Amino acid sequence: MSAKIKKPFKIWFSDMWPNFDFQNNYFTIYLSQHFDIELNPKPDFLIHSVYSKNYLKFNCYKICITGEDTRPNFSESDFHIGFDYNDSPRYLRWPLFLMNKYSPDYLIEEKDVNLIFKKKQRFCSFVVSNSYANERINFFNKLSEYKRVDSGGKCLNNIGSPVVDKFEFISKSKFNIAFENYSSSGYTTEKIFDAFIANCIPIYWGNPCVEADFNEKAFINVHKYNSIDEVIAYIKYLDRNDDVYKSVLSEPAFLDNKVPEQFQLKKFVEFFAFIFEQSNQKKKVYKFAHKGIYLWYHIKAELNRYKAKLARFKNSLLSKVS
C-alpha cells in the first residue's frame, strides 16, 4: 500500500441490516487489525447495504455490501461485495457465510466421526423463517413422507416453537435441508455452511455452481440429480447404511481440507487495501475512467446469471414432474 495514503481512513456505515452494530462488526474488527481506521459520520469511505437509499446522500467512495442476490450497480457505488462471479477488480465475491461467527477455519479442524454419529438423535432438520420458497417447502413435504423432518423455524414448525440455538438443534440431526430462497449462480448463503458447522450432511439446493465453494463429496447436491425422487432415494440409502453415511460425514467441507484461496481473509484485506489506495486519486475519476471496462464485467455477470436461470427452470420442471 502506498505510503502517501492519508491516515486514518475515515469510514462510516449506512443502510445496513437490522441490529447492525456500528462499533463492533466484521468490518471494524478485521479492518482495524490491518489499517488505521476511524469511525466518522463524514467519511472518505462509506460502507453501505441495500436496505435503504440514504447512502446516495454521501459524497465519498461507496462500498456496497449485500447479503441479497442483487447485481452490482457501479453507477451508484464505487465498489461492491456480494455473491456474484464477477471479475471486476472493484468487486469482491465474499458470500455472507464468511461473516459468520464461525470462521471457515473451523471446518478444517479434525473431527471424530464416530462420536458425532453417536450423538445423532434425529433423521433430518429444517430451520426456515419464511414460507415463500416453494422448492424447499415442496422438498420438506416430500421427504417427510419417508420420515419425520423436525422443523425448528417459524415456517412449518412442528416442535412447538422456534428454536433458540439453531446450531445445537441441527447438530442432533443426520441431515439438514439447506435450500436457498431461490436458485442463482454464486448465491451461496449461510445455510450449507451452518449445516457443516453443526456436523450434519447438508441437502443443498440454490447455487448451481456450489461445488466451486465446497467439496461435493461432503454434501448432497440436489442440482446433480435428475429428479427429487432420485435425491430422496439417495438420502434413504445413506440413512439405512451407517458406514456409507459416516464416509460422507467424514469428508472435509473444503477440497483437500483447505480453506479455498477465495475465502481466505487476505482476499478481504487486499480488497480494502485496493479501495483505500483510491484516496490518492480524485474522487470519482477512477470510476468514470473505467466505465466501459466495468460495463463488460457487468455483461459477463449477467451471462452467468442467465445460465443460472436456465438451471433453475430445469429444476423447477423436474420438481413438477416428480
Protein backbone atom coordinates (compact mmCIF):
# COMPACT_ATOMS: atom_id res chain seq x y z
CA MET A 1 0.00 0.00 0.00
CA SER A 2 1.31 3.45 -0.88
CA ALA A 3 2.89 5.48 1.92
CA LYS A 4 1.13 8.56 0.55
CA ILE A 5 -2.30 7.37 1.61
CA LYS A 6 -3.66 9.63 4.32
CA LYS A 7 -4.38 8.10 7.70
CA PRO A 8 -6.54 7.30 9.49
CA PHE A 9 -9.11 6.07 6.99
CA LYS A 10 -12.43 7.65 7.86
CA ILE A 11 -15.23 5.12 7.39
CA TRP A 12 -18.95 5.06 8.18
CA PHE A 13 -21.93 2.77 7.67
CA SER A 14 -25.35 3.35 6.14
CA ASP A 15 -28.45 1.34 5.23
CA MET A 16 -27.20 -1.79 6.97
CA TRP A 17 -29.30 -4.74 8.16
CA PRO A 18 -31.34 -4.65 11.41
CA ASN A 19 -29.38 -4.71 14.68
CA PHE A 20 -26.12 -3.86 12.92
CA ASP A 21 -23.53 -2.73 15.48
CA PHE A 22 -21.62 0.29 14.15
CA GLN A 23 -18.81 -0.14 16.66
CA ASN A 24 -18.32 -3.89 16.76
CA ASN A 25 -18.84 -5.68 13.46
CA TYR A 26 -16.99 -7.77 10.89
CA PHE A 27 -15.57 -4.68 9.16
CA THR A 28 -14.35 -2.81 12.23
CA ILE A 29 -12.89 -5.96 13.76
CA TYR A 30 -10.83 -7.09 10.77
CA LEU A 31 -10.05 -3.75 9.14
CA SER A 32 -8.73 -2.37 12.43
CA GLN A 33 -6.24 -5.25 12.55
CA HIS A 34 -4.66 -4.11 9.28
CA PHE A 35 -5.45 -0.42 8.87
CA ASP A 36 -5.74 2.70 10.95
CA ILE A 37 -9.49 3.35 10.72
CA GLU A 38 -11.70 5.99 12.28
CA LEU A 39 -15.48 5.90 12.52
CA ASN A 40 -16.63 9.26 11.24
CA PRO A 41 -20.12 10.34 10.05
CA LYS A 42 -18.32 12.47 7.43
CA PRO A 43 -16.35 9.63 5.89
CA ASP A 44 -13.99 9.22 2.98
CA PHE A 45 -15.28 5.66 2.57
CA LEU A 46 -18.90 4.67 3.18
CA ILE A 47 -19.82 1.00 3.64
CA HIS A 48 -23.50 0.55 2.91
CA SER A 49 -26.04 -2.16 2.21
CA VAL A 50 -29.26 -2.25 0.18
CA TYR A 51 -31.98 -1.71 2.77
CA SER A 52 -32.50 1.98 2.00
CA LYS A 53 -31.08 4.73 -0.20
CA ASN A 54 -29.50 7.02 2.41
CA TYR A 55 -26.06 6.24 1.00
CA LEU A 56 -26.87 8.43 -2.01
CA LYS A 57 -26.60 11.49 0.24
CA PHE A 58 -22.89 10.89 0.83
CA ASN A 59 -20.17 12.38 -1.36
CA CYS A 60 -17.36 9.90 -0.89
CA TYR A 61 -16.23 6.49 -2.06
CA LYS A 62 -19.05 3.97 -1.53
CA ILE A 63 -18.66 0.25 -0.88
CA CYS A 64 -21.88 -1.74 -1.21
CA ILE A 65 -22.17 -4.97 0.80
CA THR A 66 -25.17 -7.20 0.22
CA GLY A 67 -26.44 -10.49 1.56
CA GLU A 68 -29.14 -10.46 -1.10
CA ASP A 69 -28.99 -11.77 -4.65
CA THR A 70 -28.61 -8.34 -6.26
CA ARG A 71 -26.41 -7.16 -9.13
CA PRO A 72 -23.69 -4.54 -8.61
CA ASN A 73 -24.60 -1.01 -9.67
CA PHE A 74 -21.33 0.79 -10.29
CA SER A 75 -23.16 3.98 -11.22
CA GLU A 76 -24.20 4.35 -7.57
CA SER A 77 -21.42 2.60 -5.66
CA ASP A 78 -17.72 2.54 -6.47
CA PHE A 79 -17.07 -0.93 -5.07
CA HIS A 80 -19.22 -3.97 -4.36
CA ILE A 81 -19.10 -7.02 -2.10
CA GLY A 82 -21.57 -9.81 -2.77
CA PHE A 83 -22.26 -13.26 -4.26
CA ASP A 84 -21.70 -12.74 -7.98
CA TYR A 85 -18.99 -14.40 -10.02
CA ASN A 86 -17.64 -11.08 -11.25
CA ASP A 87 -14.09 -10.46 -12.48
CA SER A 88 -14.09 -6.72 -11.89
CA PRO A 89 -11.27 -5.51 -9.62
CA ARG A 90 -13.92 -3.36 -7.98
CA TYR A 91 -15.92 -6.43 -6.98
CA LEU A 92 -15.24 -8.93 -4.22
CA ARG A 93 -17.17 -12.19 -4.10
CA TRP A 94 -17.47 -12.61 -0.34
CA PRO A 95 -20.53 -14.75 0.49
CA LEU A 96 -22.29 -13.80 3.69
CA PHE A 97 -21.34 -17.07 5.42
CA LEU A 98 -17.76 -15.74 5.57
CA MET A 99 -19.03 -13.17 8.07
CA ASN A 100 -20.48 -15.94 10.22
CA LYS A 101 -19.49 -16.09 13.88
CA TYR A 102 -17.59 -19.23 12.89
CA SER A 103 -14.53 -18.80 10.71
CA PRO A 104 -14.07 -21.09 7.66
CA ASP A 105 -11.01 -22.39 9.52
CA TYR A 106 -13.44 -24.13 11.86
CA LEU A 107 -14.37 -26.51 9.04
CA ILE A 108 -10.83 -27.84 8.62
CA GLU A 109 -10.49 -28.95 12.22
CA GLU A 110 -10.19 -32.71 12.80
CA LYS A 111 -13.46 -34.37 13.79
CA ASP A 112 -14.36 -37.67 15.45
CA VAL A 113 -16.99 -39.06 13.10
CA ASN A 114 -17.94 -41.99 15.36
CA LEU A 115 -18.52 -39.68 18.31
CA ILE A 116 -20.54 -37.28 16.16
CA PHE A 117 -22.64 -40.15 14.83
CA LYS A 118 -23.46 -41.40 18.35
CA LYS A 119 -24.97 -38.00 19.19
CA LYS A 120 -27.40 -38.06 16.30
CA GLN A 121 -30.97 -38.19 17.63
CA ARG A 122 -32.99 -37.10 14.61
CA PHE A 123 -33.25 -38.02 10.97
CA CYS A 124 -33.35 -34.54 9.42
CA SER A 125 -33.77 -30.91 10.45
CA PHE A 126 -35.25 -27.85 8.80
CA VAL A 127 -34.91 -24.28 10.14
CA VAL A 128 -36.56 -21.63 7.98
CA SER A 129 -38.32 -18.36 8.79
CA ASN A 130 -40.20 -17.57 5.60
CA SER A 131 -42.62 -19.74 3.66
CA TYR A 132 -42.41 -18.26 0.16
CA ALA A 133 -39.67 -20.56 -1.25
CA ASN A 134 -41.72 -23.29 -2.93
CA GLU A 135 -38.78 -25.54 -3.79
CA ARG A 136 -37.77 -26.14 -0.19
CA ILE A 137 -41.36 -26.33 1.09
CA ASN A 138 -42.14 -28.99 -1.50
CA PHE A 139 -38.94 -30.86 -0.66
CA PHE A 140 -39.71 -30.76 3.06
CA ASN A 141 -43.14 -32.25 2.42
CA LYS A 142 -41.80 -34.90 0.05
CA LEU A 143 -39.01 -36.01 2.40
CA SER A 144 -41.45 -36.06 5.33
CA GLU A 145 -43.32 -38.86 3.56
CA TYR A 146 -40.32 -41.07 4.32
CA LYS A 147 -39.54 -39.95 7.87
CA ARG A 148 -40.35 -37.06 10.17
CA VAL A 149 -38.34 -33.94 9.43
CA ASP A 150 -38.04 -31.77 12.53
CA SER A 151 -38.78 -28.14 11.68
CA GLY A 152 -37.41 -25.71 14.25
CA GLY A 153 -38.03 -22.42 12.46
CA LYS A 154 -41.13 -20.25 12.12
CA CYS A 155 -42.05 -21.96 8.86
CA LEU A 156 -43.76 -25.37 9.17
CA ASN A 157 -42.73 -25.59 12.81
CA ASN A 158 -43.61 -28.99 14.28
CA ILE A 159 -41.70 -28.95 17.57
CA GLY A 160 -43.85 -26.45 19.48
CA SER A 161 -41.91 -23.19 19.00
CA PRO A 162 -38.90 -21.80 17.13
CA VAL A 163 -35.53 -22.96 18.43
CA VAL A 164 -33.25 -20.55 20.28
CA ASP A 165 -29.97 -22.16 19.19
CA LYS A 166 -30.02 -23.30 15.56
CA PHE A 167 -26.62 -24.99 15.71
CA GLU A 168 -27.47 -27.03 18.79
CA PHE A 169 -30.76 -28.07 17.21
CA ILE A 170 -29.49 -29.18 13.81
CA SER A 171 -26.35 -30.82 15.23
CA LYS A 172 -28.55 -33.65 16.54
CA SER A 173 -29.76 -34.44 13.02
CA LYS A 174 -28.13 -36.71 10.45
CA PHE A 175 -29.22 -34.43 7.62
CA ASN A 176 -30.20 -30.79 7.23
CA ILE A 177 -32.32 -29.31 4.44
CA ALA A 178 -30.14 -26.40 3.32
CA PHE A 179 -32.18 -24.92 0.48
CA GLU A 180 -31.72 -21.29 -0.52
CA ASN A 181 -34.69 -18.98 -1.06
CA TYR A 182 -34.11 -19.40 -4.79
CA SER A 183 -31.51 -20.61 -7.24
CA SER A 184 -28.96 -18.18 -8.65
CA SER A 185 -25.36 -18.50 -9.78
CA GLY A 186 -22.97 -17.67 -6.95
CA TYR A 187 -25.72 -17.27 -4.35
CA THR A 188 -24.34 -19.48 -1.58
CA THR A 189 -25.57 -18.25 1.80
CA GLU A 190 -25.02 -19.44 5.35
CA LYS A 191 -27.40 -22.39 5.01
CA ILE A 192 -24.92 -25.01 3.78
CA PHE A 193 -22.15 -23.52 5.94
CA ASP A 194 -24.26 -23.79 9.10
CA ALA A 195 -25.01 -27.45 8.36
CA PHE A 196 -21.30 -28.18 8.00
CA ILE A 197 -20.55 -26.35 11.25
CA ALA A 198 -23.18 -28.49 13.01
CA ASN A 199 -21.63 -31.69 11.62
CA CYS A 200 -24.61 -32.93 9.65
CA ILE A 201 -24.86 -33.68 5.95
CA PRO A 202 -26.37 -30.73 4.06
CA ILE A 203 -29.05 -31.40 1.46
CA TYR A 204 -28.33 -28.39 -0.73
CA TRP A 205 -30.17 -26.52 -3.46
CA GLY A 206 -29.56 -22.97 -4.61
CA ASN A 207 -26.27 -22.08 -6.27
CA PRO A 208 -25.89 -24.44 -9.25
CA CYS A 209 -22.11 -23.86 -9.06
CA VAL A 210 -21.83 -24.66 -5.35
CA GLU A 211 -19.15 -27.29 -5.99
CA ALA A 212 -16.79 -24.36 -6.65
CA ASP A 213 -17.24 -23.41 -2.98
CA PHE A 214 -17.41 -26.76 -1.18
CA ASN A 215 -16.31 -30.38 -1.55
CA GLU A 216 -19.16 -32.05 -3.40
CA LYS A 217 -18.46 -35.39 -1.71
CA ALA A 218 -19.38 -33.86 1.65
CA PHE A 219 -23.00 -32.94 0.87
CA ILE A 220 -25.99 -33.86 -1.27
CA ASN A 221 -26.09 -31.52 -4.24
CA VAL A 222 -29.70 -31.55 -5.45
CA HIS A 223 -28.64 -29.86 -8.69
CA LYS A 224 -26.81 -33.01 -9.78
CA TYR A 225 -29.89 -35.25 -9.73
CA ASN A 226 -32.49 -35.74 -12.44
CA SER A 227 -35.43 -35.59 -10.03
CA ILE A 228 -36.38 -35.06 -6.40
CA ASP A 229 -37.24 -38.76 -6.19
CA GLU A 230 -33.62 -39.59 -7.04
CA VAL A 231 -32.41 -37.25 -4.31
CA ILE A 232 -34.66 -38.84 -1.71
CA ALA A 233 -33.68 -42.34 -2.82
CA TYR A 234 -30.04 -41.47 -2.13
CA ILE A 235 -30.93 -39.95 1.26
CA LYS A 236 -32.74 -43.18 2.16
CA TYR A 237 -29.68 -45.17 1.11
CA LEU A 238 -27.40 -43.13 3.38
CA ASP A 239 -29.90 -43.25 6.23
CA ARG A 240 -30.09 -47.04 6.09
CA ASN A 241 -26.35 -47.66 5.71
CA ASP A 242 -24.41 -46.26 8.64
CA ASP A 243 -20.94 -46.93 7.22
CA VAL A 244 -21.76 -45.15 3.97
CA TYR A 245 -23.34 -42.29 5.88
CA LYS A 246 -20.22 -41.92 8.04
CA SER A 247 -17.97 -41.98 4.99
CA VAL A 248 -19.82 -38.95 3.61
CA LEU A 249 -19.81 -37.28 7.02
CA SER A 250 -16.04 -37.77 7.24
CA GLU A 251 -15.44 -35.87 4.01
CA PRO A 252 -13.95 -32.39 4.56
CA ALA A 253 -16.20 -29.46 3.73
CA PHE A 254 -13.46 -27.98 1.54
CA LEU A 255 -11.42 -29.85 -1.06
CA ASP A 256 -8.15 -31.19 0.40
CA ASN A 257 -9.36 -29.89 3.76
CA LYS A 258 -8.02 -26.43 2.97
CA VAL A 259 -9.88 -23.14 3.03
CA PRO A 260 -10.10 -22.06 -0.64
CA GLU A 261 -7.97 -19.08 -1.55
CA GLN A 262 -11.05 -17.03 -2.46
CA PHE A 263 -12.35 -17.42 1.10
CA GLN A 264 -9.15 -16.54 2.93
CA LEU A 265 -9.15 -13.33 4.95
CA LYS A 266 -6.20 -11.96 2.98
CA LYS A 267 -8.55 -11.51 -0.01
CA PHE A 268 -10.81 -9.28 2.08
CA VAL A 269 -7.84 -7.27 3.36
CA GLU A 270 -6.30 -6.92 -0.11
CA PHE A 271 -9.61 -5.67 -1.49
CA PHE A 272 -9.82 -2.92 1.12
CA ALA A 273 -6.15 -2.04 0.61
CA PHE A 274 -7.03 -1.52 -3.06
CA ILE A 275 -10.04 0.60 -2.06
CA PHE A 276 -8.06 2.74 0.38
CA GLU A 277 -5.41 3.35 -2.27
CA GLN A 278 -8.04 5.31 -4.21
CA SER A 279 -7.68 8.12 -1.69
CA ASN A 280 -4.59 9.10 -3.70
CA GLN A 281 -6.86 9.94 -6.62
CA LYS A 282 -9.58 12.47 -7.09
CA LYS A 283 -12.98 11.15 -6.13
CA LYS A 284 -14.90 9.54 -9.00
CA VAL A 285 -12.02 9.76 -11.51
CA TYR A 286 -11.39 6.05 -11.08
CA LYS A 287 -15.00 5.13 -11.72
CA PHE A 288 -15.65 7.13 -14.85
CA ALA A 289 -12.27 6.45 -16.46
CA HIS A 290 -13.10 2.75 -16.44
CA LYS A 291 -16.83 2.86 -17.14
CA GLY A 292 -16.56 0.84 -20.37
CA ILE A 293 -14.47 -1.87 -18.72
CA TYR A 294 -16.94 -2.35 -15.89
CA LEU A 295 -19.84 -2.45 -18.30
CA TRP A 296 -18.15 -5.51 -19.83
CA TYR A 297 -17.73 -7.09 -16.39
CA HIS A 298 -21.41 -6.44 -15.72
CA ILE A 299 -22.39 -8.14 -19.00
CA LYS A 300 -20.29 -11.19 -18.08
CA ALA A 301 -22.01 -11.38 -14.68
CA GLU A 302 -25.42 -11.18 -16.33
CA LEU A 303 -24.50 -14.04 -18.67
CA ASN A 304 -23.64 -16.16 -15.62
CA ARG A 305 -26.96 -15.19 -14.08
CA TYR A 306 -28.79 -16.21 -17.26
CA LYS A 307 -27.15 -19.64 -17.14
CA ALA A 308 -28.31 -19.99 -13.53
CA LYS A 309 -31.87 -19.09 -14.53
CA LEU A 310 -31.83 -21.88 -17.11
CA ALA A 311 -30.66 -24.32 -14.44
CA ARG A 312 -33.37 -23.06 -12.08
CA PHE A 313 -36.02 -23.53 -14.78
CA LYS A 314 -34.84 -27.09 -15.38
CA ASN A 315 -35.02 -27.93 -11.67
CA SER A 316 -38.47 -26.37 -11.46
CA LEU A 317 -39.70 -28.64 -14.26
CA LEU A 318 -38.18 -31.68 -12.59
CA SER A 319 -39.87 -30.78 -9.30
CA LYS A 320 -43.26 -30.56 -11.04
CA VAL A 321 -42.74 -33.88 -12.79
CA SER A 322 -41.76 -35.64 -9.55
